[in-house]
Amino acid sequence: MATIGQVLTIPELGWKRYDDNDPKIVRTGNWAIEPDRSHYMRNAFFTNQKGATLTFSFNGTKIRLITPIRNGGSDNIKIEIDGVTEFFSEYATNYAGQILAYEKTNLSSGNHTVKLTNAFTNTNNVTMSLDAIDIDGTGFLVTPIGSQLTAPEPGWKRYDDIDSAIQYSPGYLSWALIGATGLNYKTTPRYTGDPNARITFDFIGTKIRLIQRTYPADNRSGQIEIDGKTESFVSTIDQYQTLVYEKTGLENKRHSVTITWLNDNKYSNAMDAIDIDSEGRLLHPDEITNLNDLNVGKRIRANYMALQNQVGTFSKLGEETTDFIPITSSATPNGDFYFIMTQDKNGRKTLVADRNIQHSISWDTLNNEGIASGSGLPIDFNMESFIFTIRILTGGVSTADKDNEWDKWIFNSLLNDTITPGDNNIWNWSGLYSWTSTSPNTTQRVLRGNGSASNTGYGGPSNNAGSSAFRPVLEIESNFILKNYSFIYEDHMYKKYVDLIEEDMAKDTSYLEDGSLLKFSLNKYAKKVEVT
C-alpha cells in the first residue's frame, strides 16, 4: 500500500484515477499548465497565486491527491473536505513527479466536496499543483452545478425537451425553438418569454438533473417543485447544455415535478433536457401504466412500427420502448406514442392516439386490414385479461354532420375537464389529415384536421399522399374465463350460474351454455370480480 511521499504512477487496486484537466474540477485565480513527462498524462495545472482555489466533488469513501513536489512548492496547502480543514505541503528539496501528497480514507459513503486553497507562508515556496485525483474504484467525480454536461453520465439517461412526456403550459407550440445548433442537446432547446409559463412531468427514480442553454442576461431564475417541495436554480454562465439543478437521494418511486420561473425583469425561460436514473422513466402527468387505472383523460404509452403504406405492428402497451414518433409523423414509423382515453361506455374503453402515427398510407390499406371498418382489427398486446381492437374514428359525412367521433372527442371534448377542446398541443392535428371510416360517397373518404381541429377534407381511398395519415383508435374490453359455476334448478330446467360473483353481474350472465368453460366479456365488472 502506497504511503505519503511515495511515487504513484498508476492507481492501486480499489482506486481509480482522474486527470487534473477533468471539466468537473473548478479553479479560481491564475492557473497555468506545466507540460512535463513526469506528470500523469504529461501535464499538470499549477498556480503561484496566494488564495487561488481548486474545487471538486466526488462520490465515494476515500481520496488521494497526486502532485509534483519541488523546491519552491507551496509549503502550506489548505484542504477542506465537507468543511473539515487539514493542511499538506508540496515542498521538497528535489523535484519528483506523481507523488502521493495527500490521502483521506474512511469517509461516509456518498458525495463529498473538496476545496484546495494555496495558503503558502514562505514567499520562496509558492507553487501549488495538482496532477491527478484517485478515488474509490466504484466512485466518480460529481459534476458541479454550472458545468457543461453534453451527455448523461454513467447511471443517468437523458430526455430531450421535445419528449411528449413533458407538458408545457402554455402548450409546447408557444415555446419557441432557439436557433438550431449542435451545441444544444439534439440541436434545439425551447424557450418562452411568458413569465407564467410552467413545465410539468412525472418520473420514476431517485435523482434528477435539469440541463439548459444558459444566458444570465436573459434567463429568469427558476423554481422546481418535487412532490410539493420547492427549490431554486439560477443561470450564472453563458453556456450550452448547462447543469443548472440536481437532486439526488429521492425515494425510488413516482415523483411529480413542476418547473416555474420568477418574473425578475429577465426575458426568457429555457429548457434543453432532463436527466434521471438510467433505470428510471419519464412520464406525462396524466400517464398511467396499468389498464385498471384508465379513466377519461388519462393516457397510456404504446409502440408502433411499420413499413411505408403498410399497416404495422402495435406492441408494449404501458411500456417505454424507444423515442416517440415525431408529432409530424413518419412514413416508416418506429417509435412510441400515447393513446388517450376518451370514453368508457358499457364497459368498453375507447382510446384515441394523440398523433397521426403514420403518414403516406391509403384508406384502402387500412380497410384491407379491417381498420377502416366498424368491427376493426383485433390485435394482441399479450394481456389475456383484455380484448383489443384497432380502428379509426368516424368523421361525419359533411361539414354540417357533427354526430361523429372526431367532433365529439377531438374538437369538442374536455375529457373530464383535463384539456381544452381541440387543443393541438394534445391532439397534434396540425399539418396532417387523419383518415376516418366515413364515406360521403362511393369515390371519397372523409379526412379531418390539418388546417384546424374542425376542418373536413375528402380524399380518394387509394390516395397515399404524405398529407393523409393514420390515427388509430383502441378499444379495450375485459376478457374472463369462468372456471367456477354451479347447477341450479329453475323454471323446470337446470341452469349454470357463476359462483362468487356480484348479483348484478350474475343477472347479466343469467345462464351459460352447457359444456365447457365460457369465455366472454364482463367489462363493467372487471374491477369488482376476481375469477379463480
Foldseek 3Di string as FASTA:
>chain_A
DDDAFDADQADDPQKHKDWPVPLQKDKDDDKDWDAAPQFHVRIKIKDLDAFIKIKWKKFAFKKWFWAKAEQQAAQWKWKAKQRDIDTWTRYDHHIHGRGRTDMDGRHDGTMIMMMIGRHGDDSSRRMDMTTMMMHGPPMGIDRDAFTADQADDPQKHKDWPPFLLKAKVVFPVQWDWDQFDPQFHVGTKTKHQDQFIKIKWKKFAFKKWFWWQADQQAEFKKWKAKQRDIDTWGGDDRGHRGTTDMDGGHDRGMIIMMMGGDPPVHGMHIGTMMMGGPPMDIGRPQEDQDPVPDAQFHKWKWWWFAAAQAGTAIEDISDADDTAADLLAERTATHMWIWGWHDQPPLKTKTWTLHFHHALYFLVNCVVQVQLPPVAHWHDHPDQFKTKGKHFWADALDLVGCPTDLNVGQADDCRVVPHDHNDCSRRSQAQAWEWHSDDNDDAWGWTAGHVGSSDIDIDGRRGRDRRYGYIMMMMMFTKDWADAWDWDQDPNDTFIFGPPDDPVQRVVCVGDDPDDIDMDTDRVCVVPDDHD
